[in-house]
Amino acid sequence: MYRGVSLILIAMLLACTQEESRESTAATEFAAPDTLNIYTVNNPLAYFAERIAGDRAEVSFAAPPDIDPANWSPDAETIIEYQQADLIVLNGAGYAAWVTNAVLPRSRLVDTTSTLADRLIPIENAVTHSHGPAADHSHSGTAFTTWLDLDIAIEQARSILERLIRIRPDNESEFRQAFAELEADLRAADAQLQAAAENLGNQAILFSHPVYQYLERRYALNGYSVHWEPDVMPEEADWDQLQAVLQQHPAKIMIWEADPLPETTRRLADLGIECVVFQPGGNRPLAGDWLDLLRQGIAALEGVAAM
């Protein structure tokens, strides 16, 4: 009799265990749907993730369109959205400082420059300033617009590819194919930039803002950075400082993140300096995508290089 009761109890325990296992499996499947939820900290990384993951992911980039994502901090509700993502793609190199203070799931973080420490550019003699609605900040520590070196951009995209393969191994072939197509586009753009830079030679160039360090190094541009904003007319002290710079660095080209004010353009033209827009593309453009912005910047450089 006791043996029969024991067998019944064992059977009931096994049934409960199997039911718990089924519930656990169902919960896991519900938590990891076919479509991945990916959050990024800037537009280039969002573009890379979209190109590589395709329909396998929904990619979100939460910064408002009128703010530089490098200096933006999300509210508590948005941080929760990041915390719930399947993958959080970071730029590293000091970009988006808010991530160092937020509690984010380490297992889902992808720092796309974590293996590129020897290729990052340190910044010295930083100047504190502000622009737009963002708080005062300085371009100190490490230069963070890493993707403007297209060879580094490819490695950043590759880190996204490798993590996607780890979490969705069944889709490896399509991820690799999509990455190969993205890499081909970036290699072609890199070759165009190399050619434009060669045409410029050692010609002196001004950068309106200190965010072009990787572009300058990769393509051997002879640049000097000031701290001018496209929507602000420089003060007389800024023009005096520029005149002093031109004595040692006689530039005829000034590269901007966006179109400067007409009065700024006219006064630079009086100094024999032409304005060229090459948007780094940290935030989403009003039209097109990050690669479109890159190609527009390359075309602008090609135009002045041909003069």
Protein backbone atom coordinates (compact mmCIF):
# COMPACT_ATOMS: atom_id res chain seq x y z
CA MET A 1 0.00 0.00 0.00
CA TYR A 2 2.74 2.41 1.03
CA ARG A 3 4.63 1.59 -2.12
CA GLY A 4 1.57 2.47 -4.20
CA VAL A 5 1.16 5.80 -2.43
CA SER A 6 4.86 6.58 -2.98
CA LEU A 7 4.58 5.90 -6.68
CA ILE A 8 1.56 8.21 -6.93
CA LEU A 9 3.45 11.00 -5.09
CA ILE A 10 6.46 10.60 -7.38
CA ALA A 11 4.22 10.77 -10.43
CA MET A 12 2.55 13.94 -9.12
CA LEU A 13 5.95 15.55 -8.48
CA LEU A 14 7.13 14.67 -11.97
CA ALA A 15 3.95 16.12 -13.45
CA CYS A 16 4.43 19.35 -11.49
CA THR A 17 8.08 19.55 -12.56
CA GLN A 18 7.16 19.03 -16.22
CA GLU A 19 4.43 21.68 -15.98
CA GLU A 20 6.88 24.16 -14.42
CA SER A 21 9.35 23.38 -17.19
CA ARG A 22 6.69 24.04 -19.85
CA GLU A 23 5.76 27.34 -18.16
CA SER A 24 9.43 28.35 -17.98
CA THR A 25 9.92 27.54 -21.66
CA ALA A 26 6.80 29.48 -22.62
CA ALA A 27 7.98 32.48 -20.57
CA THR A 28 11.39 32.35 -22.29
CA GLU A 29 9.79 32.22 -25.71
CA PHE A 30 7.54 35.15 -24.81
CA ALA A 31 10.53 37.18 -23.54
CA ALA A 32 12.55 36.51 -26.70
CA PRO A 33 10.26 37.01 -29.71
CA ASP A 34 11.43 36.54 -33.28
CA THR A 35 11.86 40.29 -33.70
CA LEU A 36 14.70 41.66 -31.60
CA ASN A 37 14.31 44.97 -29.81
CA ILE A 38 17.55 46.96 -30.27
CA TYR A 39 18.30 50.36 -28.78
CA THR A 40 21.30 52.47 -29.81
CA VAL A 41 22.86 55.74 -28.60
CA ASN A 42 23.34 57.40 -31.97
CA ASN A 43 22.25 57.39 -35.59
CA PRO A 44 25.28 55.68 -37.19
CA LEU A 45 24.91 52.68 -34.89
CA ALA A 46 21.16 52.57 -35.52
CA TYR A 47 21.88 52.57 -39.25
CA PHE A 48 24.42 49.74 -38.92
CA ALA A 49 22.02 47.67 -36.81
CA GLU A 50 19.15 48.24 -39.25
CA ARG A 51 21.28 47.24 -42.21
CA ILE A 52 22.62 44.07 -40.56
CA ALA A 53 19.53 42.85 -38.69
CA GLY A 54 16.99 43.81 -41.33
CA ASP A 55 13.50 42.53 -40.56
CA ARG A 56 14.85 40.48 -37.66
CA ALA A 57 14.95 43.55 -35.42
CA GLU A 58 13.19 46.75 -34.54
CA VAL A 59 15.89 49.36 -33.99
CA SER A 60 15.17 52.37 -31.77
CA PHE A 61 17.22 55.51 -31.30
CA ALA A 62 15.52 57.64 -28.67
CA ALA A 63 17.27 61.04 -28.76
CA PRO A 64 15.10 63.97 -29.95
CA PRO A 65 15.93 65.20 -33.46
CA ASP A 66 17.09 68.66 -32.34
CA ILE A 67 19.67 67.51 -29.76
CA ASP A 68 23.21 66.21 -30.12
CA PRO A 69 22.92 62.62 -28.83
CA ALA A 70 26.47 62.79 -27.46
CA ASN A 71 25.34 65.27 -24.79
CA TRP A 72 21.73 64.11 -24.36
CA SER A 73 20.41 62.37 -21.24
CA PRO A 74 17.20 60.33 -21.44
CA ASP A 75 14.42 60.62 -18.86
CA ALA A 76 13.56 57.77 -16.48
CA GLU A 77 10.88 56.36 -18.78
CA THR A 78 13.28 56.18 -21.72
CA ILE A 79 15.96 54.53 -19.59
CA ILE A 80 13.42 51.82 -18.73
CA GLU A 81 12.93 51.28 -22.47
CA TYR A 82 16.67 50.82 -22.87
CA GLN A 83 16.72 48.41 -19.92
CA GLN A 84 14.04 46.26 -21.54
CA ALA A 85 15.78 46.02 -24.92
CA ASP A 86 17.26 42.75 -26.15
CA LEU A 87 20.39 44.60 -27.21
CA ILE A 88 21.80 48.02 -26.25
CA VAL A 89 24.39 49.25 -28.72
CA LEU A 90 26.90 51.75 -27.35
CA ASN A 91 29.49 53.82 -29.16
CA GLY A 92 32.07 53.87 -26.38
CA ALA A 93 34.93 56.42 -26.48
CA GLY A 94 33.12 58.56 -23.92
CA TYR A 95 30.03 58.99 -26.10
CA ALA A 96 26.66 59.37 -24.33
CA ALA A 97 28.01 59.82 -20.81
CA TRP A 98 24.58 59.05 -19.31
CA VAL A 99 25.16 55.31 -19.78
CA THR A 100 27.83 55.34 -17.06
CA ASN A 101 25.23 56.43 -14.48
CA ALA A 102 22.28 54.35 -15.67
CA VAL A 103 21.66 50.78 -14.49
CA LEU A 104 21.71 48.83 -17.75
CA PRO A 105 21.86 45.01 -18.12
CA ARG A 106 25.53 44.28 -18.79
CA SER A 107 24.76 41.06 -20.65
CA ARG A 108 22.87 43.03 -23.30
CA LEU A 109 25.39 45.84 -23.81
CA VAL A 110 27.55 46.05 -26.94
CA ASP A 111 30.36 48.61 -26.71
CA THR A 112 31.32 48.89 -30.37
CA THR A 113 34.76 50.39 -29.67
CA SER A 114 35.75 48.18 -26.72
CA THR A 115 38.35 46.36 -28.84
CA LEU A 116 39.63 49.54 -30.51
CA ALA A 117 41.25 51.30 -27.55
CA ASP A 118 44.55 51.73 -29.38
CA ARG A 119 42.78 53.57 -32.21
CA LEU A 120 40.88 56.09 -30.09
CA ILE A 121 42.07 59.70 -30.02
CA PRO A 122 42.68 61.46 -26.67
CA ILE A 123 41.78 65.14 -26.42
CA GLU A 124 43.91 67.73 -24.67
CA ASN A 125 43.29 71.39 -23.84
CA ALA A 126 39.50 71.04 -24.06
CA VAL A 127 37.29 74.15 -23.97
CA THR A 128 33.98 74.14 -22.06
CA HIS A 129 31.05 75.58 -24.00
CA SER A 130 27.41 74.96 -24.85
CA HIS A 131 25.20 74.90 -27.92
CA GLY A 132 21.48 74.49 -28.39
CA PRO A 133 19.41 73.36 -25.38
CA ALA A 134 22.22 71.14 -24.08
CA ALA A 135 24.09 71.95 -20.89
CA ASP A 136 27.66 73.22 -20.82
CA HIS A 137 30.11 70.54 -21.83
CA SER A 138 33.64 70.10 -23.10
CA HIS A 139 35.16 67.94 -25.80
CA SER A 140 37.60 66.43 -23.33
CA GLY A 141 38.74 62.91 -22.62
CA THR A 142 38.40 60.98 -25.86
CA ALA A 143 37.23 62.05 -29.31
CA PHE A 144 33.99 60.19 -29.85
CA THR A 145 32.86 60.65 -33.46
CA THR A 146 34.71 57.44 -34.22
CA TRP A 147 32.59 56.50 -37.23
CA LEU A 148 34.09 59.34 -39.30
CA ASP A 149 37.04 57.01 -39.78
CA LEU A 150 35.20 54.56 -42.01
CA ASP A 151 37.61 51.78 -41.20
CA ILE A 152 36.64 52.12 -37.54
CA ALA A 153 32.98 52.38 -38.57
CA ILE A 154 33.27 48.99 -40.24
CA GLU A 155 34.70 47.49 -37.05
CA GLN A 156 31.88 49.02 -35.04
CA ALA A 157 29.37 47.44 -37.41
CA ARG A 158 31.24 44.15 -37.14
CA SER A 159 30.81 44.13 -33.36
CA ILE A 160 27.04 44.43 -33.88
CA LEU A 161 27.16 41.56 -36.36
CA GLU A 162 29.04 39.31 -33.94
CA ARG A 163 26.57 39.92 -31.11
CA LEU A 164 23.58 39.34 -33.39
CA ILE A 165 25.04 36.01 -34.44
CA ARG A 166 25.51 35.04 -30.79
CA ILE A 167 21.89 35.68 -29.89
CA ARG A 168 20.34 34.55 -33.18
CA PRO A 169 22.71 31.87 -34.59
CA ASP A 170 20.00 30.50 -36.89
CA ASN A 171 20.11 33.79 -38.82
CA GLU A 172 23.90 33.94 -39.16
CA SER A 173 24.01 33.62 -42.95
CA GLU A 174 21.59 36.46 -43.59
CA PHE A 175 23.30 38.68 -41.00
CA ARG A 176 26.67 38.04 -42.65
CA GLN A 177 25.29 38.76 -46.10
CA ALA A 178 23.76 42.04 -44.93
CA PHE A 179 27.00 43.02 -43.21
CA ALA A 180 28.97 42.26 -46.38
CA GLU A 181 26.73 44.64 -48.33
CA LEU A 182 27.11 47.34 -45.68
CA GLU A 183 30.87 46.89 -45.62
CA ALA A 184 31.01 47.22 -49.41
CA ASP A 185 29.15 50.54 -49.19
CA LEU A 186 31.50 51.81 -46.48
CA ARG A 187 34.61 50.66 -48.35
CA ALA A 188 33.40 52.51 -51.45
CA ALA A 189 32.77 55.68 -49.42
CA ASP A 190 36.19 55.30 -47.80
CA ALA A 191 37.85 55.13 -51.22
CA GLN A 192 35.99 58.29 -52.29
CA LEU A 193 37.14 60.13 -49.19
CA GLN A 194 40.71 58.99 -49.75
CA ALA A 195 40.60 60.33 -53.30
CA ALA A 196 39.09 63.68 -52.25
CA ALA A 197 41.72 64.04 -49.51
CA GLU A 198 44.52 63.31 -51.97
CA ASN A 199 43.18 66.06 -54.23
CA LEU A 200 43.17 68.46 -51.30
CA GLY A 201 46.78 67.55 -50.56
CA ASN A 202 48.23 69.46 -47.63
CA GLN A 203 45.85 72.38 -48.10
CA ALA A 204 45.00 74.05 -44.79
CA ILE A 205 41.45 73.39 -43.57
CA LEU A 206 39.41 74.82 -40.70
CA PHE A 207 36.88 72.75 -38.75
CA SER A 208 34.07 74.73 -37.13
CA HIS A 209 33.91 72.32 -34.20
CA PRO A 210 36.30 69.78 -32.64
CA VAL A 211 34.41 66.69 -33.77
CA TYR A 212 36.34 65.77 -36.92
CA GLN A 213 39.43 64.20 -35.34
CA TYR A 214 38.91 60.76 -36.88
CA LEU A 215 38.13 62.21 -40.30
CA GLU A 216 41.26 64.34 -40.09
CA ARG A 217 43.53 61.47 -39.05
CA ARG A 218 42.16 58.78 -41.36
CA TYR A 219 42.29 60.96 -44.47
CA ALA A 220 45.42 62.95 -43.55
CA LEU A 221 43.69 66.34 -43.63
CA ASN A 222 45.63 69.41 -42.55
CA GLY A 223 43.04 70.75 -40.13
CA TYR A 224 42.60 73.20 -37.27
CA SER A 225 39.46 73.24 -35.07
CA VAL A 226 37.69 76.27 -33.63
CA HIS A 227 34.49 76.33 -31.52
CA TRP A 228 31.93 78.03 -33.74
CA GLU A 229 28.23 77.16 -33.93
CA PRO A 230 26.39 77.27 -37.27
CA ASP A 231 23.37 79.08 -35.78
CA VAL A 232 25.37 81.71 -33.89
CA MET A 233 27.24 84.67 -35.37
CA PRO A 234 30.78 84.61 -33.93
CA GLU A 235 31.73 87.52 -31.72
CA GLU A 236 34.43 90.00 -32.70
CA ALA A 237 36.88 88.27 -30.38
CA ASP A 238 36.31 85.07 -32.33
CA TRP A 239 37.06 86.83 -35.61
CA ASP A 240 40.21 88.33 -34.13
CA GLN A 241 41.31 84.89 -32.98
CA LEU A 242 40.58 83.48 -36.44
CA GLN A 243 42.76 86.14 -38.04
CA ALA A 244 45.61 85.07 -35.75
CA VAL A 245 45.06 81.41 -36.68
CA LEU A 246 45.11 82.24 -40.38
CA GLN A 247 48.56 83.73 -40.01
CA GLN A 248 49.90 80.26 -39.23
CA HIS A 249 47.21 78.17 -40.91
CA PRO A 250 46.09 79.98 -44.12
CA ALA A 251 42.90 77.99 -44.74
CA LYS A 252 40.58 78.56 -47.69
CA ILE A 253 38.04 75.94 -46.60
CA MET A 254 35.97 75.65 -43.41
CA ILE A 255 34.05 72.45 -42.70
CA TRP A 256 30.79 72.79 -40.77
CA GLU A 257 28.34 70.40 -39.09
CA ALA A 258 25.44 72.35 -40.64
CA ASP A 259 24.94 75.42 -42.82
CA PRO A 260 26.25 78.51 -40.98
CA LEU A 261 24.32 81.76 -40.85
CA PRO A 262 24.40 83.78 -44.11
CA GLU A 263 26.24 86.63 -42.38
CA THR A 264 28.89 84.21 -41.14
CA THR A 265 29.27 82.78 -44.64
CA ARG A 266 29.62 86.25 -46.17
CA ARG A 267 32.25 87.37 -43.70
CA LEU A 268 34.25 84.18 -44.19
CA ALA A 269 33.98 84.68 -47.95
CA ASP A 270 35.49 88.14 -47.48
CA LEU A 271 38.47 86.34 -45.95
CA GLY A 272 38.65 84.01 -48.93
CA ILE A 273 37.22 81.05 -46.97
CA GLU A 274 34.56 78.79 -48.47
CA CYS A 275 32.08 76.96 -46.20
CA VAL A 276 31.58 73.23 -46.68
CA VAL A 277 28.98 71.16 -44.81
CA PHE A 278 30.03 67.67 -43.71
CA GLN A 279 27.53 66.46 -41.14
CA PRO A 280 28.88 63.84 -38.70
CA GLY A 281 25.35 62.45 -38.56
CA GLY A 282 25.09 61.68 -34.86
CA ASN A 283 21.34 62.28 -35.04
CA ARG A 284 18.84 61.22 -37.68
CA PRO A 285 18.57 63.61 -40.65
CA LEU A 286 15.28 65.15 -41.69
CA ALA A 287 15.46 63.14 -44.91
CA GLY A 288 17.42 60.09 -45.97
CA ASP A 289 19.69 58.07 -43.72
CA TRP A 290 23.21 58.19 -42.30
CA LEU A 291 24.82 56.90 -45.50
CA ASP A 292 23.02 59.61 -47.47
CA LEU A 293 24.52 62.24 -45.14
CA LEU A 294 27.95 60.71 -45.54
CA ARG A 295 27.71 60.74 -49.32
CA GLN A 296 26.57 64.37 -49.28
CA GLY A 297 29.58 65.29 -47.17
CA ILE A 298 31.91 63.43 -49.51
CA ALA A 299 30.41 65.19 -52.52
CA ALA A 300 30.95 68.55 -50.83
CA LEU A 301 34.61 67.72 -50.16
CA GLU A 302 35.05 66.49 -53.73
CA GLY A 303 33.63 69.80 -54.94
CA VAL A 304 36.17 71.97 -53.12
CA ALA A 305 39.00 69.52 -53.85
CA ALA A 306 38.34 69.90 -57.56
CA MET A 307 38.59 73.70 -57.45
